[in-house]
Amino acid sequence: MTHAQAQNAPVPAQARAVRAVIVQPQWHVEDFATPQSFERWMRGQLEQAKTGFVTGRPNLVVLTELNGVGLYLRGSKLARFTGRFDYALGLTLFQRFPEAAYRALTQKVSLVRGLLLSLAPDVLEEYVPLCSKLAKEYKVWLVCGSAPLPHLTSPVNSSSKRVRIDGSGVYNESLVFSPQGLLVGAADKVYLTTLEREAGLDFSAGRLEDLKVINTPAGDLGIAISLDAFKPDLVKALEKQGADVLVQPDANGSPWTGREQEGPLKGKRDQPEAWLESAWQAVQRSKTLRYALNPMVVGNFLDASFDGQSAIIAKEFEAQKQQNYVMTKPRAGFLALLPWVAEGSDAELRELGRKLSSGSGHSFENRYLTGVLSADLKLQPSSVASSALRPFEAALDALGQGAVLEKPWSGWRWVWPSLWGLLALWGVVLRFRRKRRGWVLLLLGILGGVMTQL
């Protein structure tokens, strides 16, 4: 089946039975060290999800937010051993400084955005084809979490199969693939967290009006990445388009039993209580949304702690079993809910959350709970018309199917080592002239050159 045929294939006019599977993985910096280790980590999640697959109906698999972010630290081997994200980012910036600075100046963006743009080609070439490959290999509808990705475009009047980066934006973007490995849609995160905004990673915010519901045999999917699912205007926009499954990939970067980290009630209530105002509340109040899928990644990634409870949510009348996030009252509406690490009083759970966190030094540090959740979704016939891929989506799909990504001048990677080498050479010249500062320049040149290679 060609991509055009897949896009225009009619949706059966009957109720749809879907098996939904979400994975709560644990990540480590080592998972991103090499292409082999990253594929092993991603494939491991599909192997876990496979235990929940059924035959005779679509299997929908949803992975977690920012599962590609660690690829941006691969440029510097030292970055993975710093123990702190800001140090790791700084070392990576040092290694790619000339190109990052050039991108920042020519695109009129921050130095951090310049770094992301300089690293993006390598990330795109690895992440997009891998997601396509896994969807095809496991024959699933795959919401491949999200990753920091720029938009792409196909050159006009190009007879060759080539794509290139379009503009200066880098988005927290979720990709959706068919069982044939074809991209069927993408969504950019609209509401960014403090870490994602200009003072942090400097991602670009998506536009609310650009969000579209993705029509598939596995549901009419409305993608609301993490904080987006907390925003009524965004949820309403997806409802107006007929979404019946809300997909909320998540990476909650703080202790689950700590206080809320974003919004007007920041620091005033527990995170599990705040979480009820995202996907769970959206489904209970909505006239179109029947289900929500909220996978959450766990683990200490350098000095950042990620934690949560993954959940598959339904209307209260359909999921009547009383369940709860920790530190909240039991309630209906959870088709499947992964338990937290332990049970106990609020005070005991808060203390355990601190022990799990990065840098605690406790024996419980990084001992989070992982798992897989699956549930059968009963959906009405689709009311959403299939739509053609937008230009940037078509370019992403082409990349996933083997198109060549045009890269900026590859010689950038030799500029910095060459400059440090010249500095060391000048130091040698000064030593021959018996100048004291020659030793200083020589040592600086050697150190800088070594640092660019580690």
Foldseek 3Di string as FASTA:
>chain_A
DDPVCQLAPDFDQWWAKEKEKEWAAADELVCQQDLVSVLVRLVVRVVQRVVRDDPDHAYEYEYFFASLASNLLNLFPVLRVPLDNVVSLVLLCLLLVVQLVVQCVVQVHDSLLSSCVQSQVVSLLRPLLSQLVSLQVSQHWYFPHWHFHAFKFDDPPDPAQEIEGDGSATFRKIWIAGNNSFTQDMDGAADDDPQCPDVHSNHDHDDLVPFAFGDDSNFREGEHEAVSQLDVVSLVSHVVLQGAEYEYRYWAFAQQLAFDCDDPCGRPHGNQVSVCSGQQVSQQPGPRHFKYWYHYYAFEYSQTGTDDKTFIFGHQVVFVDFDGAAPDGTGGTTPDIGHWPDHDDSVVSVVLSCCCGPPNPHPNHGVTDIHMDMDMDIGRGGPHRRDDYDRSSVSSSSSNVPGHYDHPDPCSSVPQLVVLVVQLVVLVVVVVVVHPCSVVSNVSSVVSNVSSND
